[in-house]
Amino acid sequence: MWGRADMAVKLLGRNIPSVLRMAEGVDLKISRRLCIKRQQDLQSKSRSASGVPGYRPTDWEKKFLLWAGHFKKAEDIPDTVSLETVRAAKSTLRVKFSYFMIALTVVGCIIMVVRGKQAMKRHESLLSINLEKKAQWRAEGTSAKP
């Protein structure tokens, strides 16, 4: 009885387009090779030439480590540091930069509100400025005609 069921499944499987058909021996887990770096790649990059685990930071990364507060002076930074330390410094700087941009945005908004209120006290508005310009253009247009 089961032999016929298996045969029916095989016959139906032939009619399914190859794109939709499950390949034999394929793991159902989604392959994320393009999204996640393999651990072996990270470990090979984090080893220095002498084989000791570590990462040789560039000049910019040394500045990041200083600005993030991981080290007090440039002389304190060793030749090799862990890759996680550099990543943590970059993340810290991203957060600090975000806070700085938020503060600049708030200060800019406050300045624009203050300037807008000062302009209202002087009875300046876009409508009045545009009406003055149009009146000036009309006056120039009528004075230019003989």
N, C-alpha and C. Protein backbone atom coordinates (compact mmCIF):
# COMPACT_ATOMS: atom_id res chain seq x y z
N MET A 1 0.83 -1.20 0.00
CA MET A 1 0.00 0.00 0.00
C MET A 1 0.87 1.26 0.00
N TRP A 2 1.95 1.24 0.83
CA TRP A 2 2.81 2.41 0.89
C TRP A 2 3.62 2.58 -0.39
N GLY A 3 3.84 1.52 -1.08
CA GLY A 3 4.60 1.60 -2.31
C GLY A 3 3.90 2.45 -3.35
N ARG A 4 2.57 2.34 -3.40
CA ARG A 4 1.81 3.16 -4.35
C ARG A 4 1.83 4.63 -3.95
N ALA A 5 1.78 4.91 -2.65
CA ALA A 5 1.82 6.31 -2.18
C ALA A 5 3.16 6.94 -2.54
N ASP A 6 4.24 6.18 -2.33
CA ASP A 6 5.56 6.71 -2.69
C ASP A 6 5.66 6.96 -4.18
N MET A 7 5.08 6.06 -4.96
CA MET A 7 5.12 6.21 -6.40
C MET A 7 4.32 7.45 -6.84
N ALA A 8 3.18 7.70 -6.16
CA ALA A 8 2.36 8.87 -6.49
C ALA A 8 3.11 10.15 -6.16
N VAL A 9 3.81 10.18 -5.04
CA VAL A 9 4.58 11.35 -4.66
C VAL A 9 5.69 11.61 -5.69
N LYS A 10 6.34 10.56 -6.14
CA LYS A 10 7.40 10.73 -7.14
C LYS A 10 6.83 11.25 -8.45
N LEU A 11 5.66 10.74 -8.85
CA LEU A 11 5.05 11.22 -10.09
C LEU A 11 4.63 12.67 -9.98
N LEU A 12 4.05 13.03 -8.83
CA LEU A 12 3.67 14.43 -8.63
C LEU A 12 4.90 15.33 -8.56
N GLY A 13 5.98 14.83 -7.99
CA GLY A 13 7.22 15.60 -7.88
C GLY A 13 7.80 15.96 -9.22
N ARG A 14 7.57 15.13 -10.22
CA ARG A 14 8.09 15.42 -11.56
C ARG A 14 7.38 16.60 -12.19
N ASN A 15 6.13 16.82 -11.82
CA ASN A 15 5.35 17.90 -12.40
C ASN A 15 5.59 19.25 -11.73
N ILE A 16 6.26 19.25 -10.60
CA ILE A 16 6.55 20.50 -9.89
C ILE A 16 7.74 21.16 -10.57
N PRO A 17 7.67 22.46 -10.83
CA PRO A 17 8.81 23.15 -11.45
C PRO A 17 10.07 22.96 -10.62
N SER A 18 11.21 22.93 -11.28
CA SER A 18 12.47 22.63 -10.61
C SER A 18 12.81 23.69 -9.56
N VAL A 19 12.35 24.92 -9.75
CA VAL A 19 12.64 25.98 -8.79
C VAL A 19 11.94 25.69 -7.46
N LEU A 20 10.72 25.15 -7.54
CA LEU A 20 9.94 24.90 -6.34
C LEU A 20 10.23 23.55 -5.70
N ARG A 21 10.83 22.64 -6.45
CA ARG A 21 11.08 21.30 -5.96
C ARG A 21 12.22 21.30 -4.95
N MET A 22 12.06 20.61 -3.85
CA MET A 22 13.09 20.52 -2.82
C MET A 22 14.16 19.55 -3.29
N ALA A 23 15.37 19.98 -3.32
CA ALA A 23 16.48 19.12 -3.72
C ALA A 23 16.78 18.14 -2.61
N GLU A 24 17.23 16.98 -3.00
CA GLU A 24 17.52 15.96 -2.01
C GLU A 24 18.78 16.33 -1.25
N GLY A 25 18.76 16.12 0.05
CA GLY A 25 19.93 16.36 0.88
C GLY A 25 20.17 17.83 1.20
N VAL A 26 19.19 18.71 0.92
CA VAL A 26 19.35 20.13 1.20
C VAL A 26 18.86 20.41 2.62
N ASP A 27 19.64 21.13 3.38
CA ASP A 27 19.25 21.48 4.73
C ASP A 27 18.18 22.56 4.66
N LEU A 28 17.17 22.47 5.52
CA LEU A 28 16.08 23.42 5.46
C LEU A 28 16.45 24.79 6.03
N LYS A 29 17.58 24.88 6.72
CA LYS A 29 18.00 26.16 7.27
C LYS A 29 18.38 27.10 6.13
N ILE A 30 18.10 28.37 6.31
CA ILE A 30 18.42 29.36 5.30
C ILE A 30 19.93 29.62 5.33
N SER A 31 20.53 29.66 4.19
CA SER A 31 21.95 29.93 4.11
C SER A 31 22.17 31.43 4.20
N ARG A 32 22.95 31.85 5.17
CA ARG A 32 23.21 33.27 5.37
C ARG A 32 24.69 33.58 5.17
N ARG A 33 25.31 32.90 4.24
CA ARG A 33 26.73 33.10 4.03
C ARG A 33 27.05 34.52 3.60
N LEU A 34 26.15 35.20 2.90
CA LEU A 34 26.42 36.54 2.44
C LEU A 34 26.18 37.57 3.53
N CYS A 35 25.43 37.22 4.56
CA CYS A 35 25.08 38.17 5.60
C CYS A 35 26.05 38.15 6.78
N ILE A 36 26.58 37.00 7.10
CA ILE A 36 27.38 36.85 8.31
C ILE A 36 28.79 36.42 7.92
N LYS A 37 29.77 37.10 8.48
CA LYS A 37 31.15 36.71 8.22
C LYS A 37 31.46 35.44 9.00
N ARG A 38 32.20 34.59 8.39
CA ARG A 38 32.55 33.34 9.05
C ARG A 38 33.55 33.61 10.16
N GLN A 39 33.50 32.80 11.20
CA GLN A 39 34.39 32.94 12.34
C GLN A 39 35.85 32.75 11.92
N GLN A 40 36.10 31.84 10.96
CA GLN A 40 37.47 31.61 10.52
C GLN A 40 38.06 32.86 9.89
N ASP A 41 37.24 33.60 9.11
CA ASP A 41 37.72 34.82 8.47
C ASP A 41 38.09 35.85 9.53
N LEU A 42 37.22 35.98 10.55
CA LEU A 42 37.49 36.95 11.59
C LEU A 42 38.75 36.59 12.38
N GLN A 43 38.93 35.30 12.65
CA GLN A 43 40.09 34.89 13.41
C GLN A 43 41.37 35.07 12.60
N SER A 44 41.30 34.82 11.30
CA SER A 44 42.51 34.99 10.49
C SER A 44 42.89 36.45 10.37
N LYS A 45 41.91 37.34 10.34
CA LYS A 45 42.21 38.76 10.26
C LYS A 45 42.72 39.30 11.59
N SER A 46 42.29 38.68 12.68
CA SER A 46 42.67 39.20 13.99
C SER A 46 44.00 38.66 14.47
N ARG A 47 44.70 37.89 13.67
CA ARG A 47 46.02 37.38 14.07
C ARG A 47 47.10 38.23 13.41
N SER A 48 48.07 38.59 14.19
CA SER A 48 49.17 39.39 13.65
C SER A 48 50.16 38.49 12.92
N ALA A 49 51.22 39.09 12.40
CA ALA A 49 52.20 38.33 11.62
C ALA A 49 52.93 37.30 12.48
N SER A 50 53.07 37.58 13.76
CA SER A 50 53.78 36.65 14.63
C SER A 50 52.90 35.49 15.08
N GLY A 51 51.62 35.51 14.73
CA GLY A 51 50.72 34.43 15.11
C GLY A 51 50.02 34.68 16.44
N VAL A 52 50.36 35.77 17.11
CA VAL A 52 49.72 36.11 18.38
C VAL A 52 48.38 36.76 18.07
N PRO A 53 47.31 36.35 18.75
CA PRO A 53 46.02 36.97 18.48
C PRO A 53 46.07 38.47 18.74
N GLY A 54 45.58 39.23 17.81
CA GLY A 54 45.57 40.68 17.94
C GLY A 54 45.30 41.33 16.62
N TYR A 55 45.07 42.62 16.67
CA TYR A 55 44.76 43.39 15.47
C TYR A 55 45.63 44.62 15.49
N ARG A 56 46.29 44.90 14.39
CA ARG A 56 47.15 46.07 14.30
C ARG A 56 46.31 47.25 13.81
N PRO A 57 45.97 48.20 14.70
CA PRO A 57 45.09 49.30 14.29
C PRO A 57 45.80 50.30 13.38
N THR A 58 45.02 50.90 12.49
CA THR A 58 45.55 51.95 11.61
C THR A 58 45.64 53.24 12.41
N ASP A 59 46.15 54.29 11.77
CA ASP A 59 46.28 55.58 12.47
C ASP A 59 44.91 56.13 12.85
N TRP A 60 43.94 55.99 11.94
CA TRP A 60 42.58 56.47 12.24
C TRP A 60 41.97 55.69 13.40
N GLU A 61 42.18 54.39 13.40
CA GLU A 61 41.63 53.58 14.48
C GLU A 61 42.29 53.90 15.81
N LYS A 62 43.56 54.28 15.78
CA LYS A 62 44.22 54.73 17.01
C LYS A 62 43.59 56.02 17.51
N LYS A 63 43.24 56.92 16.58
CA LYS A 63 42.55 58.15 16.99
C LYS A 63 41.17 57.83 17.56
N PHE A 64 40.48 56.87 16.95
CA PHE A 64 39.18 56.45 17.47
C PHE A 64 39.31 55.92 18.89
N LEU A 65 40.34 55.13 19.13
CA LEU A 65 40.56 54.57 20.46
C LEU A 65 40.82 55.68 21.49
N LEU A 66 41.53 56.72 21.07
CA LEU A 66 41.78 57.85 21.97
C LEU A 66 40.50 58.64 22.22
N TRP A 67 39.77 58.99 21.14
CA TRP A 67 38.56 59.79 21.27
C TRP A 67 37.47 59.07 22.07
N ALA A 68 37.44 57.75 21.94
CA ALA A 68 36.43 56.97 22.66
C ALA A 68 36.79 56.81 24.13
N GLY A 69 38.05 57.12 24.49
CA GLY A 69 38.45 57.05 25.88
C GLY A 69 39.00 55.70 26.31
N HIS A 70 39.35 54.85 25.36
CA HIS A 70 39.92 53.55 25.73
C HIS A 70 41.37 53.68 26.20
N PHE A 71 42.07 54.72 25.71
CA PHE A 71 43.43 54.97 26.12
C PHE A 71 43.59 56.46 26.37
N LYS A 72 44.50 56.83 27.28
CA LYS A 72 44.70 58.23 27.64
C LYS A 72 45.60 58.96 26.63
N LYS A 73 46.66 58.29 26.20
CA LYS A 73 47.62 58.90 25.28
C LYS A 73 47.87 57.96 24.11
N ALA A 74 48.40 58.52 23.03
CA ALA A 74 48.71 57.71 21.85
C ALA A 74 49.83 56.71 22.16
N GLU A 75 50.71 57.07 23.09
CA GLU A 75 51.81 56.17 23.44
C GLU A 75 51.31 54.95 24.21
N ASP A 76 50.15 55.07 24.84
CA ASP A 76 49.60 53.97 25.63
C ASP A 76 49.01 52.85 24.77
N ILE A 77 48.75 53.14 23.51
CA ILE A 77 48.12 52.14 22.63
C ILE A 77 49.17 51.11 22.23
N PRO A 78 48.93 49.82 22.52
CA PRO A 78 49.90 48.79 22.12
C PRO A 78 49.89 48.56 20.61
N ASP A 79 50.87 47.83 20.13
CA ASP A 79 50.97 47.56 18.69
C ASP A 79 49.78 46.74 18.21
N THR A 80 49.34 45.79 19.02
CA THR A 80 48.19 44.98 18.64
C THR A 80 47.14 45.08 19.75
N VAL A 81 45.91 45.28 19.33
CA VAL A 81 44.77 45.30 20.25
C VAL A 81 43.74 44.32 19.72
N SER A 82 42.76 44.01 20.53
CA SER A 82 41.74 43.07 20.06
C SER A 82 40.81 43.79 19.08
N LEU A 83 40.29 43.04 18.16
CA LEU A 83 39.38 43.59 17.18
C LEU A 83 38.11 44.10 17.85
N GLU A 84 37.71 43.45 18.92
CA GLU A 84 36.52 43.87 19.66
C GLU A 84 36.72 45.24 20.29
N THR A 85 37.94 45.56 20.73
CA THR A 85 38.22 46.87 21.31
C THR A 85 38.05 47.96 20.26
N VAL A 86 38.54 47.71 19.06
CA VAL A 86 38.40 48.69 17.97
C VAL A 86 36.93 48.86 17.61
N ARG A 87 36.20 47.76 17.52
CA ARG A 87 34.77 47.84 17.20
C ARG A 87 34.00 48.58 18.29
N ALA A 88 34.35 48.33 19.54
CA ALA A 88 33.68 49.02 20.65
C ALA A 88 33.96 50.52 20.59
N ALA A 89 35.19 50.90 20.24
CA ALA A 89 35.53 52.32 20.13
C ALA A 89 34.74 52.97 19.01
N LYS A 90 34.62 52.28 17.87
CA LYS A 90 33.84 52.83 16.76
C LYS A 90 32.37 52.98 17.12
N SER A 91 31.83 52.00 17.83
CA SER A 91 30.43 52.09 18.25
C SER A 91 30.23 53.25 19.22
N THR A 92 31.16 53.43 20.14
CA THR A 92 31.08 54.53 21.09
C THR A 92 31.10 55.87 20.34
N LEU A 93 31.97 55.98 19.36
CA LEU A 93 32.05 57.23 18.59
C LEU A 93 30.78 57.46 17.77
N ARG A 94 30.18 56.39 17.25
CA ARG A 94 28.92 56.55 16.52
C ARG A 94 27.84 57.12 17.43
N VAL A 95 27.77 56.61 18.65
CA VAL A 95 26.77 57.09 19.60
C VAL A 95 27.04 58.54 19.97
N LYS A 96 28.31 58.87 20.23
CA LYS A 96 28.66 60.26 20.58
C LYS A 96 28.33 61.20 19.42
N PHE A 97 28.64 60.79 18.20
CA PHE A 97 28.33 61.62 17.04
C PHE A 97 26.83 61.81 16.89
N SER A 98 26.06 60.76 17.15
CA SER A 98 24.60 60.87 17.07
C SER A 98 24.08 61.86 18.10
N TYR A 99 24.60 61.78 19.33
CA TYR A 99 24.19 62.74 20.36
C TYR A 99 24.55 64.16 19.96
N PHE A 100 25.72 64.34 19.38
CA PHE A 100 26.16 65.66 18.93
C PHE A 100 25.22 66.20 17.86
N MET A 101 24.83 65.36 16.90
CA MET A 101 23.92 65.81 15.84
C MET A 101 22.54 66.12 16.39
N ILE A 102 22.07 65.36 17.38
CA ILE A 102 20.78 65.65 18.01
C ILE A 102 20.84 67.00 18.70
N ALA A 103 21.95 67.26 19.42
CA ALA A 103 22.10 68.55 20.12
C ALA A 103 22.13 69.70 19.12
N LEU A 104 22.87 69.54 18.01
CA LEU A 104 22.91 70.60 16.99
C LEU A 104 21.52 70.86 16.40
N THR A 105 20.76 69.81 16.18
CA THR A 105 19.41 69.96 15.64
C THR A 105 18.52 70.73 16.60
N VAL A 106 18.58 70.40 17.88
CA VAL A 106 17.77 71.09 18.88
C VAL A 106 18.18 72.56 18.98
N VAL A 107 19.49 72.84 19.00
CA VAL A 107 19.97 74.23 19.05
C VAL A 107 19.52 74.99 17.81
N GLY A 108 19.60 74.37 16.64
CA GLY A 108 19.15 75.03 15.41
C GLY A 108 17.67 75.35 15.44
N CYS A 109 16.87 74.44 15.97
CA CYS A 109 15.43 74.69 16.07
C CYS A 109 15.14 75.85 17.01
N ILE A 110 15.84 75.88 18.15
CA ILE A 110 15.62 76.98 19.11
C ILE A 110 16.02 78.31 18.49
N ILE A 111 17.14 78.34 17.77
CA ILE A 111 17.57 79.59 17.11
C ILE A 111 16.53 80.04 16.10
N MET A 112 15.99 79.12 15.31
CA MET A 112 15.00 79.49 14.30
C MET A 112 13.71 80.01 14.96
N VAL A 113 13.31 79.45 16.08
CA VAL A 113 12.12 79.93 16.78
C VAL A 113 12.36 81.34 17.30
N VAL A 114 13.53 81.59 17.89
CA VAL A 114 13.84 82.93 18.42
C VAL A 114 13.88 83.95 17.29
N ARG A 115 14.53 83.61 16.17
CA ARG A 115 14.59 84.55 15.05
C ARG A 115 13.21 84.80 14.45
N GLY A 116 12.38 83.77 14.42
CA GLY A 116 11.02 83.94 13.92
C GLY A 116 10.20 84.87 14.80
N LYS A 117 10.35 84.76 16.11
CA LYS A 117 9.62 85.64 17.03
C LYS A 117 10.12 87.08 16.91
N GLN A 118 11.43 87.26 16.73
CA GLN A 118 11.97 88.61 16.54
C GLN A 118 11.44 89.22 15.24
N ALA A 119 11.33 88.42 14.19
CA ALA A 119 10.80 88.92 12.92
C ALA A 119 9.33 89.30 13.07
N MET A 120 8.58 88.55 13.86
CA MET A 120 7.16 88.89 14.07
C MET A 120 7.03 90.20 14.83
N LYS A 121 7.94 90.47 15.77
CA LYS A 121 7.90 91.74 16.50
C LYS A 121 8.17 92.92 15.56
N ARG A 122 9.01 92.69 14.55
CA ARG A 122 9.30 93.74 13.56
C ARG A 122 8.25 93.77 12.45
N HIS A 123 7.23 92.93 12.58
CA HIS A 123 6.15 92.82 11.59
C HIS A 123 6.69 92.39 10.23
N GLU A 124 7.66 91.51 10.25
CA GLU A 124 8.19 90.96 9.02
C GLU A 124 7.59 89.56 8.82
N SER A 125 7.14 89.34 7.61
CA SER A 125 6.67 88.00 7.26
C SER A 125 6.97 87.79 5.78
N LEU A 126 6.88 86.58 5.33
CA LEU A 126 7.14 86.31 3.92
C LEU A 126 6.12 87.03 3.04
N LEU A 127 4.89 87.13 3.51
CA LEU A 127 3.85 87.80 2.74
C LEU A 127 4.18 89.28 2.54
N SER A 128 4.57 89.95 3.63
CA SER A 128 4.88 91.38 3.51
C SER A 128 6.13 91.61 2.65
N ILE A 129 7.14 90.73 2.79
CA ILE A 129 8.36 90.88 1.99
C ILE A 129 8.05 90.68 0.51
N ASN A 130 7.23 89.70 0.17
CA ASN A 130 6.87 89.45 -1.23
C ASN A 130 6.03 90.60 -1.79
N LEU A 131 5.11 91.14 -1.00
CA LEU A 131 4.31 92.27 -1.47
C LEU A 131 5.18 93.50 -1.73
N GLU A 132 6.17 93.73 -0.87
CA GLU A 132 7.09 94.87 -1.08
C GLU A 132 7.90 94.68 -2.36
N LYS A 133 8.38 93.46 -2.61
CA LYS A 133 9.14 93.20 -3.83
C LYS A 133 8.28 93.43 -5.06
N LYS A 134 7.06 92.94 -5.06
CA LYS A 134 6.18 93.10 -6.21
C LYS A 134 5.86 94.57 -6.45
N ALA A 135 5.65 95.32 -5.37
CA ALA A 135 5.39 96.76 -5.52
C ALA A 135 6.60 97.47 -6.10
N GLN A 136 7.80 97.06 -5.66
CA GLN A 136 9.03 97.65 -6.18
C GLN A 136 9.19 97.32 -7.66
N TRP A 137 8.89 96.08 -8.06
CA TRP A 137 9.00 95.70 -9.46
C TRP A 137 8.00 96.47 -10.32
N ARG A 138 6.80 96.68 -9.79
CA ARG A 138 5.80 97.44 -10.54
C ARG A 138 6.26 98.88 -10.71
N ALA A 139 6.84 99.45 -9.65
CA ALA A 139 7.31 100.83 -9.73
C ALA A 139 8.45 100.95 -10.74
N GLU A 140 9.34 99.98 -10.76
CA GLU A 140 10.42 99.99 -11.74
C GLU A 140 9.87 99.81 -13.16
N GLY A 141 8.83 99.00 -13.29
CA GLY A 141 8.25 98.75 -14.61
C GLY A 141 7.55 99.98 -15.14
N THR A 142 6.86 100.71 -14.30
CA THR A 142 6.15 101.91 -14.77
C THR A 142 7.11 103.06 -15.01
N SER A 143 8.19 103.14 -14.24
CA SER A 143 9.17 104.24 -14.44
C SER A 143 10.02 103.98 -15.68
N ALA A 144 10.17 102.73 -16.07
CA ALA A 144 10.98 102.41 -17.25
C ALA A 144 10.23 102.73 -18.54
N LYS A 145 8.89 102.72 -18.50
CA LYS A 145 8.11 103.04 -19.71
C LYS A 145 8.10 104.55 -19.92
N PRO A 146 8.29 105.04 -21.16
CA PRO A 146 8.28 106.49 -21.43
C PRO A 146 6.90 107.08 -21.52
